[in-house]
PDB file of N, CA and C in Angstrom:
ATOM      1  N   UNK A   1      44.214 -90.857 -58.926  1.00  0.00           N
ATOM      2  CA  UNK A   1      46.020 -91.182 -58.221  1.00  0.00           C
ATOM      3  C   UNK A   1      45.520 -89.624 -57.376  1.00  0.00           C
ATOM      4  N   UNK A   2      44.682 -88.954 -57.177  1.00  0.00           N
ATOM      5  CA  UNK A   2      44.699 -88.182 -55.551  1.00  0.00           C
ATOM      6  C   UNK A   2      43.896 -88.424 -54.745  1.00  0.00           C
ATOM      7  N   UNK A   3      43.124 -89.136 -54.803  1.00  0.00           N
ATOM      8  CA  UNK A   3      42.743 -90.174 -53.516  1.00  0.00           C
ATOM      9  C   UNK A   3      43.880 -91.143 -53.103  1.00  0.00           C
ATOM     10  N   UNK A   4      44.158 -91.652 -53.921  1.00  0.00           N
ATOM     11  CA  UNK A   4      45.762 -92.532 -53.418  1.00  0.00           C
ATOM     12  C   UNK A   4      46.729 -91.713 -52.536  1.00  0.00           C
ATOM     13  N   UNK A   5      46.802 -90.659 -52.692  1.00  0.00           N
ATOM     14  CA  UNK A   5      47.813 -90.007 -52.624  1.00  0.00           C
ATOM     15  C   UNK A   5      47.161 -89.124 -51.820  1.00  0.00           C
ATOM     16  N   UNK A   6      45.877 -89.029 -51.318  1.00  0.00           N
ATOM     17  CA  UNK A   6      45.766 -88.272 -49.894  1.00  0.00           C
ATOM     18  C   UNK A   6      45.001 -89.534 -48.696  1.00  0.00           C
ATOM     19  N   UNK A   7      45.077 -90.773 -49.130  1.00  0.00           N
ATOM     20  CA  UNK A   7      45.058 -92.036 -48.493  1.00  0.00           C
ATOM     21  C   UNK A   7      46.310 -92.054 -47.968  1.00  0.00           C
ATOM     22  N   UNK A   8      47.481 -92.080 -48.978  1.00  0.00           N
ATOM     23  CA  UNK A   8      48.809 -92.552 -48.119  1.00  0.00           C
ATOM     24  C   UNK A   8      49.055 -91.554 -47.502  1.00  0.00           C
ATOM     25  N   UNK A   9      49.284 -89.999 -47.525  1.00  0.00           N
ATOM     26  CA  UNK A   9      49.513 -89.437 -47.131  1.00  0.00           C
ATOM     27  C   UNK A   9      49.698 -88.970 -45.613  1.00  0.00           C
ATOM     28  N   UNK A  10      47.371 -89.280 -45.578  1.00  0.00           N
ATOM     29  CA  UNK A  10      47.502 -89.389 -43.866  1.00  0.00           C
ATOM     30  C   UNK A  10      47.891 -90.797 -43.204  1.00  0.00           C
ATOM     31  N   UNK A  11      47.723 -91.491 -43.988  1.00  0.00           N
ATOM     32  CA  UNK A  11      48.408 -93.061 -43.570  1.00  0.00           C
ATOM     33  C   UNK A  11      49.737 -92.749 -42.579  1.00  0.00           C
ATOM     34  N   UNK A  12      51.133 -91.733 -43.771  1.00  0.00           N
ATOM     35  CA  UNK A  12      52.130 -91.486 -43.178  1.00  0.00           C
ATOM     36  C   UNK A  12      52.178 -90.732 -42.072  1.00  0.00           C
ATOM     37  N   UNK A  13      50.814 -89.806 -42.123  1.00  0.00           N
ATOM     38  CA  UNK A  13      50.543 -88.314 -41.032  1.00  0.00           C
ATOM     39  C   UNK A  13      50.041 -89.955 -39.970  1.00  0.00           C
ATOM     40  N   UNK A  14      50.017 -90.384 -39.665  1.00  0.00           N
ATOM     41  CA  UNK A  14      49.050 -91.856 -38.466  1.00  0.00           C
ATOM     42  C   UNK A  14      50.336 -92.045 -38.503  1.00  0.00           C
ATOM     43  N   UNK A  15      50.957 -93.115 -39.132  1.00  0.00           N
ATOM     44  CA  UNK A  15      52.912 -93.755 -38.506  1.00  0.00           C
ATOM     45  C   UNK A  15      53.124 -92.673 -38.165  1.00  0.00           C
ATOM     46  N   UNK A  16      53.418 -91.536 -38.069  1.00  0.00           N
ATOM     47  CA  UNK A  16      54.416 -91.013 -37.416  1.00  0.00           C
ATOM     48  C   UNK A  16      53.630 -90.557 -36.075  1.00  0.00           C
ATOM     49  N   UNK A  17      52.556 -89.493 -36.252  1.00  0.00           N
ATOM     50  CA  UNK A  17      52.145 -90.009 -34.855  1.00  0.00           C
ATOM     51  C   UNK A  17      52.159 -90.399 -34.227  1.00  0.00           C
ATOM     52  N   UNK A  18      52.422 -92.095 -34.530  1.00  0.00           N
ATOM     53  CA  UNK A  18      52.148 -92.964 -33.803  1.00  0.00           C
ATOM     54  C   UNK A  18      53.244 -93.573 -33.289  1.00  0.00           C
ATOM     55  N   UNK A  19      53.847 -93.257 -34.233  1.00  0.00           N
ATOM     56  CA  UNK A  19      55.984 -93.442 -33.549  1.00  0.00           C
ATOM     57  C   UNK A  19      55.997 -92.336 -32.708  1.00  0.00           C
ATOM     58  N   UNK A  20      55.432 -90.657 -33.100  1.00  0.00           N
ATOM     59  CA  UNK A  20      55.903 -90.015 -31.798  1.00  0.00           C
ATOM     60  C   UNK A  20      55.226 -90.160 -30.742  1.00  0.00           C
ATOM     61  N   UNK A  21      53.865 -91.222 -30.745  1.00  0.00           N
ATOM     62  CA  UNK A  21      53.524 -91.449 -28.941  1.00  0.00           C
ATOM     63  C   UNK A  21      54.308 -92.046 -28.474  1.00  0.00           C
ATOM     64  N   UNK A  22      55.146 -93.420 -29.313  1.00  0.00           N
ATOM     65  CA  UNK A  22      55.828 -94.196 -28.154  1.00  0.00           C
ATOM     66  C   UNK A  22      56.667 -93.409 -28.109  1.00  0.00           C
ATOM     67  N   UNK A  23      57.643 -93.181 -28.526  1.00  0.00           N
ATOM     68  CA  UNK A  23      58.496 -91.863 -28.565  1.00  0.00           C
ATOM     69  C   UNK A  23      58.735 -91.212 -27.146  1.00  0.00           C
ATOM     70  N   UNK A  24      57.374 -90.194 -26.863  1.00  0.00           N
ATOM     71  CA  UNK A  24      57.880 -89.563 -25.799  1.00  0.00           C
ATOM     72  C   UNK A  24      57.677 -90.666 -24.986  1.00  0.00           C
ATOM     73  N   UNK A  25      56.879 -91.681 -25.106  1.00  0.00           N
ATOM     74  CA  UNK A  25      56.173 -93.179 -24.038  1.00  0.00           C
ATOM     75  C   UNK A  25      57.544 -93.335 -23.771  1.00  0.00           C
ATOM     76  N   UNK A  26      59.405 -93.116 -24.369  1.00  0.00           N
ATOM     77  CA  UNK A  26      59.976 -94.157 -24.215  1.00  0.00           C
ATOM     78  C   UNK A  26      60.131 -95.131 -24.406  1.00  0.00           C
ATOM     79  N   UNK A  27      58.686 -95.927 -25.160  1.00  0.00           N
ATOM     80  CA  UNK A  27      58.738 -97.490 -25.782  1.00  0.00           C
ATOM     81  C   UNK A  27      59.224 -97.845 -26.815  1.00  0.00           C
ATOM     82  N   UNK A  28      59.589 -98.996 -27.007  1.00  0.00           N
ATOM     83  CA  UNK A  28      59.671-100.114 -28.107  1.00  0.00           C
ATOM     84  C   UNK A  28      58.794 -99.912 -29.192  1.00  0.00           C
ATOM     85  N   UNK A  29      59.125 -98.774 -30.377  1.00  0.00           N
ATOM     86  CA  UNK A  29      58.571 -98.885 -31.545  1.00  0.00           C
ATOM     87  C   UNK A  29      57.916-100.306 -31.873  1.00  0.00           C
ATOM     88  N   UNK A  30      58.510-101.238 -32.226  1.00  0.00           N
ATOM     89  CA  UNK A  30      58.092-102.197 -32.191  1.00  0.00           C
ATOM     90  C   UNK A  30      57.411-103.425 -31.865  1.00  0.00           C
ATOM     91  N   UNK A  31      56.880-102.507 -30.538  1.00  0.00           N
ATOM     92  CA  UNK A  31      55.934-103.395 -29.456  1.00  0.00           C
ATOM     93  C   UNK A  31      55.136-104.230 -30.073  1.00  0.00           C
ATOM     94  N   UNK A  32      53.853-103.086 -30.511  1.00  0.00           N
ATOM     95  CA  UNK A  32      52.567-103.499 -30.935  1.00  0.00           C
ATOM     96  C   UNK A  32      53.028-103.396 -32.540  1.00  0.00           C
ATOM     97  N   UNK A  33      52.945-103.969 -33.584  1.00  0.00           N
ATOM     98  CA  UNK A  33      52.609-103.529 -34.888  1.00  0.00           C
ATOM     99  C   UNK A  33      50.760-103.574 -35.150  1.00  0.00           C
ATOM    100  N   UNK A  34      50.450-103.817 -34.072  1.00  0.00           N
ATOM    101  CA  UNK A  34      48.968-103.374 -35.129  1.00  0.00           C
ATOM    102  C   UNK A  34      48.463-102.582 -34.192  1.00  0.00           C
ATOM    103  N   UNK A  35      49.046-102.056 -33.416  1.00  0.00           N
ATOM    104  CA  UNK A  35      48.775-100.074 -33.516  1.00  0.00           C
ATOM    105  C   UNK A  35      48.713 -99.066 -34.154  1.00  0.00           C
ATOM    106  N   UNK A  36      50.012 -99.700 -35.001  1.00  0.00           N
ATOM    107  CA  UNK A  36      50.766 -98.899 -35.868  1.00  0.00           C
ATOM    108  C   UNK A  36      49.414 -98.834 -37.164  1.00  0.00           C
ATOM    109  N   UNK A  37      49.105-100.406 -37.303  1.00  0.00           N
ATOM    110  CA  UNK A  37      48.411-100.439 -38.167  1.00  0.00           C
ATOM    111  C   UNK A  37      46.562 -99.975 -38.492  1.00  0.00           C
ATOM    112  N   UNK A  38      46.079 -99.881 -36.873  1.00  0.00           N
ATOM    113  CA  UNK A  38      45.112 -99.867 -36.305  1.00  0.00           C
ATOM    114  C   UNK A  38      44.993 -97.886 -36.897  1.00  0.00           C
ATOM    115  N   UNK A  39      46.426 -97.074 -36.315  1.00  0.00           N
ATOM    116  CA  UNK A  39      46.669 -95.707 -36.350  1.00  0.00           C
ATOM    117  C   UNK A  39      46.573 -95.623 -38.016  1.00  0.00           C
ATOM    118  N   UNK A  40      47.027 -96.459 -39.009  1.00  0.00           N
ATOM    119  CA  UNK A  40      47.459 -95.854 -40.270  1.00  0.00           C
ATOM    120  C   UNK A  40      45.741 -95.942 -40.598  1.00  0.00           C
ATOM    121  N   UNK A  41      45.712 -96.834 -40.657  1.00  0.00           N
ATOM    122  CA  UNK A  41      44.235 -97.053 -40.971  1.00  0.00           C
ATOM    123  C   UNK A  41      43.118 -96.080 -41.006  1.00  0.00           C
ATOM    124  N   UNK A  42      43.707 -95.673 -39.416  1.00  0.00           N
ATOM    125  CA  UNK A  42      41.920 -94.481 -38.833  1.00  0.00           C
ATOM    126  C   UNK A  42      42.407 -93.494 -39.843  1.00  0.00           C
ATOM    127  N   UNK A  43      44.239 -92.734 -39.768  1.00  0.00           N
ATOM    128  CA  UNK A  43      44.361 -91.899 -40.319  1.00  0.00           C
ATOM    129  C   UNK A  43      43.919 -92.360 -41.660  1.00  0.00           C
ATOM    130  N   UNK A  44      44.081 -92.898 -42.134  1.00  0.00           N
ATOM    131  CA  UNK A  44      43.862 -93.055 -43.852  1.00  0.00           C
ATOM    132  C   UNK A  44      41.984 -93.171 -44.239  1.00  0.00           C
ATOM    133  N   UNK A  45      41.628 -93.960 -43.400  1.00  0.00           N
ATOM    134  CA  UNK A  45      39.840 -93.361 -43.575  1.00  0.00           C
ATOM    135  C   UNK A  45      40.327 -91.341 -43.474  1.00  0.00           C
ATOM    136  N   UNK A  46      40.516 -91.318 -42.570  1.00  0.00           N
ATOM    137  CA  UNK A  46      40.586 -89.426 -42.362  1.00  0.00           C
ATOM    138  C   UNK A  46      40.584 -88.957 -43.882  1.00  0.00           C
ATOM    139  N   UNK A  47      41.884 -89.695 -44.220  1.00  0.00           N
ATOM    140  CA  UNK A  47      41.995 -88.595 -45.447  1.00  0.00           C
ATOM    141  C   UNK A  47      41.809 -89.255 -46.955  1.00  0.00           C
ATOM    142  N   UNK A  48      40.345 -90.490 -46.590  1.00  0.00           N
ATOM    143  CA  UNK A  48      39.758 -90.452 -47.472  1.00  0.00           C
ATOM    144  C   UNK A  48      38.260 -89.679 -47.433  1.00  0.00           C
ATOM    145  N   UNK A  49      38.374 -89.702 -46.358  1.00  0.00           N
ATOM    146  CA  UNK A  49      37.316 -88.762 -46.211  1.00  0.00           C
ATOM    147  C   UNK A  49      36.738 -86.986 -46.520  1.00  0.00           C
ATOM    148  N   UNK A  50      38.250 -86.663 -46.158  1.00  0.00           N
ATOM    149  CA  UNK A  50      38.820 -85.643 -46.586  1.00  0.00           C
ATOM    150  C   UNK A  50      38.882 -84.781 -47.991  1.00  0.00           C
ATOM    151  N   UNK A  51      39.590 -86.202 -49.105  1.00  0.00           N
ATOM    152  CA  UNK A  51      39.231 -86.158 -50.285  1.00  0.00           C
ATOM    153  C   UNK A  51      37.974 -85.971 -51.159  1.00  0.00           C
ATOM    154  N   UNK A  52      36.986 -87.271 -49.842  1.00  0.00           N
ATOM    155  CA  UNK A  52      35.758 -86.903 -50.466  1.00  0.00           C
ATOM    156  C   UNK A  52      35.149 -85.535 -50.415  1.00  0.00           C
ATOM    157  N   UNK A  53      35.130 -84.429 -49.300  1.00  0.00           N
ATOM    158  CA  UNK A  53      34.561 -84.051 -49.001  1.00  0.00           C
ATOM    159  C   UNK A  53      35.044 -82.554 -49.430  1.00  0.00           C
ATOM    160  N   UNK A  54      36.608 -82.752 -50.015  1.00  0.00           N
ATOM    161  CA  UNK A  54      37.599 -82.400 -51.018  1.00  0.00           C
ATOM    162  C   UNK A  54      36.712 -81.290 -52.899  1.00  0.00           C
ATOM    163  N   UNK A  55      36.157 -82.942 -52.964  1.00  0.00           N
ATOM    164  CA  UNK A  55      35.514 -83.047 -54.223  1.00  0.00           C
ATOM    165  C   UNK A  55      34.280 -81.954 -54.477  1.00  0.00           C
ATOM    166  N   UNK A  56      33.098 -82.609 -53.393  1.00  0.00           N
ATOM    167  CA  UNK A  56      32.481 -82.258 -52.858  1.00  0.00           C
ATOM    168  C   UNK A  56      32.348 -81.103 -52.775  1.00  0.00           C
ATOM    169  N   UNK A  57      33.061 -79.829 -51.914  1.00  0.00           N
ATOM    170  CA  UNK A  57      32.554 -78.926 -51.330  1.00  0.00           C
ATOM    171  C   UNK A  57      33.477 -77.528 -52.908  1.00  0.00           C
ATOM    172  N   UNK A  58      34.127 -78.464 -54.097  1.00  0.00           N
ATOM    173  CA  UNK A  58      34.553 -77.945 -55.329  1.00  0.00           C
ATOM    174  C   UNK A  58      33.315 -77.714 -55.699  1.00  0.00           C
ATOM    175  N   UNK A  59      32.638 -78.390 -56.024  1.00  0.00           N
ATOM    176  CA  UNK A  59      31.339 -78.859 -56.822  1.00  0.00           C
ATOM    177  C   UNK A  59      29.693 -77.466 -55.681  1.00  0.00           C
ATOM    178  N   UNK A  60      29.858 -77.808 -55.010  1.00  0.00           N
ATOM    179  CA  UNK A  60      29.140 -76.344 -54.843  1.00  0.00           C
ATOM    180  C   UNK A  60      29.044 -75.518 -54.650  1.00  0.00           C
ATOM    181  N   UNK A  61      31.104 -74.965 -54.436  1.00  0.00           N
ATOM    182  CA  UNK A  61      30.724 -73.808 -54.717  1.00  0.00           C
ATOM    183  C   UNK A  61      31.000 -73.528 -56.582  1.00  0.00           C
ATOM    184  N   UNK A  62      31.666 -74.749 -57.487  1.00  0.00           N
ATOM    185  CA  UNK A  62      31.082 -74.084 -58.929  1.00  0.00           C
ATOM    186  C   UNK A  62      29.381 -74.075 -58.777  1.00  0.00           C
ATOM    187  N   UNK A  63      28.467 -74.802 -58.588  1.00  0.00           N
ATOM    188  CA  UNK A  63      26.901 -74.742 -58.580  1.00  0.00           C
ATOM    189  C   UNK A  63      26.819 -73.000 -57.371  1.00  0.00           C
ATOM    190  N   UNK A  64      27.250 -72.823 -56.747  1.00  0.00           N
ATOM    191  CA  UNK A  64      27.214 -71.063 -55.834  1.00  0.00           C
ATOM    192  C   UNK A  64      27.662 -70.159 -57.653  1.00  0.00           C
ATOM    193  N   UNK A  65      28.743 -70.344 -57.806  1.00  0.00           N
ATOM    194  CA  UNK A  65      29.337 -68.960 -58.963  1.00  0.00           C
ATOM    195  C   UNK A  65      28.580 -69.591 -60.102  1.00  0.00           C
ATOM    196  N   UNK A  66      27.370 -70.632 -60.321  1.00  0.00           N
ATOM    197  CA  UNK A  66      27.124 -70.576 -61.771  1.00  0.00           C
ATOM    198  C   UNK A  66      25.531 -69.596 -61.468  1.00  0.00           C
ATOM    199  N   UNK A  67      25.101 -70.039 -60.238  1.00  0.00           N
ATOM    200  CA  UNK A  67      23.891 -69.190 -59.883  1.00  0.00           C
ATOM    201  C   UNK A  67      24.236 -67.714 -59.305  1.00  0.00           C
ATOM    202  N   UNK A  68      25.095 -67.584 -59.342  1.00  0.00           N
ATOM    203  CA  UNK A  68      25.580 -66.323 -59.701  1.00  0.00           C
ATOM    204  C   UNK A  68      25.680 -65.098 -60.304  1.00  0.00           C
ATOM    205  N   UNK A  69      26.607 -66.142 -61.498  1.00  0.00           N
ATOM    206  CA  UNK A  69      26.362 -65.476 -62.755  1.00  0.00           C
ATOM    207  C   UNK A  69      25.021 -65.798 -63.464  1.00  0.00           C
ATOM    208  N   UNK A  70      24.738 -66.614 -63.048  1.00  0.00           N
ATOM    209  CA  UNK A  70      23.331 -66.512 -63.765  1.00  0.00           C
ATOM    210  C   UNK A  70      22.518 -65.624 -63.235  1.00  0.00           C
ATOM    211  N   UNK A  71      22.436 -65.198 -61.770  1.00  0.00           N
ATOM    212  CA  UNK A  71      21.773 -63.802 -60.786  1.00  0.00           C
ATOM    213  C   UNK A  71      21.964 -62.603 -61.443  1.00  0.00           C
ATOM    214  N   UNK A  72      23.761 -62.769 -62.454  1.00  0.00           N
ATOM    215  CA  UNK A  72      24.509 -61.102 -62.342  1.00  0.00           C
ATOM    216  C   UNK A  72      23.773 -60.819 -63.579  1.00  0.00           C
ATOM    217  N   UNK A  73      23.999 -61.467 -65.000  1.00  0.00           N
ATOM    218  CA  UNK A  73      22.775 -61.545 -66.704  1.00  0.00           C
ATOM    219  C   UNK A  73      21.920 -61.263 -66.280  1.00  0.00           C
ATOM    220  N   UNK A  74      20.631 -62.323 -65.025  1.00  0.00           N
ATOM    221  CA  UNK A  74      19.174 -61.657 -65.576  1.00  0.00           C
ATOM    222  C   UNK A  74      19.557 -60.585 -65.165  1.00  0.00           C
ATOM    223  N   UNK A  75      20.172 -60.023 -64.155  1.00  0.00           N
ATOM    224  CA  UNK A  75      20.078 -57.875 -63.239  1.00  0.00           C
ATOM    225  C   UNK A  75      20.338 -57.396 -64.044  1.00  0.00           C
ATOM    226  N   UNK A  76      21.819 -57.597 -65.122  1.00  0.00           N
ATOM    227  CA  UNK A  76      21.901 -56.724 -66.407  1.00  0.00           C
ATOM    228  C   UNK A  76      21.179 -56.971 -67.168  1.00  0.00           C
ATOM    229  N   UNK A  77      20.531 -58.156 -68.133  1.00  0.00           N
ATOM    230  CA  UNK A  77      19.446 -57.754 -68.421  1.00  0.00           C
ATOM    231  C   UNK A  77      18.146 -56.469 -68.547  1.00  0.00           C
ATOM    232  N   UNK A  78      17.412 -57.312 -66.953  1.00  0.00           N
ATOM    233  CA  UNK A  78      16.823 -56.190 -66.344  1.00  0.00           C
ATOM    234  C   UNK A  78      17.176 -54.656 -66.817  1.00  0.00           C
ATOM    235  N   UNK A  79      18.382 -54.521 -66.885  1.00  0.00           N
ATOM    236  CA  UNK A  79      19.026 -52.947 -66.274  1.00  0.00           C
ATOM    237  C   UNK A  79      19.115 -52.668 -67.459  1.00  0.00           C
ATOM    238  N   UNK A  80      19.472 -53.546 -68.787  1.00  0.00           N
ATOM    239  CA  UNK A  80      19.353 -52.713 -70.126  1.00  0.00           C
ATOM    240  C   UNK A  80      17.774 -52.618 -70.813  1.00  0.00           C
ATOM    241  N   UNK A  81      16.589 -53.363 -70.261  1.00  0.00           N
ATOM    242  CA  UNK A  81      15.403 -53.450 -70.716  1.00  0.00           C
ATOM    243  C   UNK A  81      14.272 -52.132 -69.997  1.00  0.00           C
TER     244      UNK A  81
END
């Protein structure tokens, strides 16, 4: 569900950016619907990438924490011996 919410959230930001862009230019918001779809698809892909990056970053942090804990345990055992 988090993947879907990331994609939809970023797509909504893409749509808002496109509407904001057309609003600044004082152009018709419904002039080119394909531009809206492209903007939403591009931002949706960024949301997909951000979700995957978040998962990978969490895995890397967990691996690093495990390595640090193991190092601390070995160091504590060496001090006790």
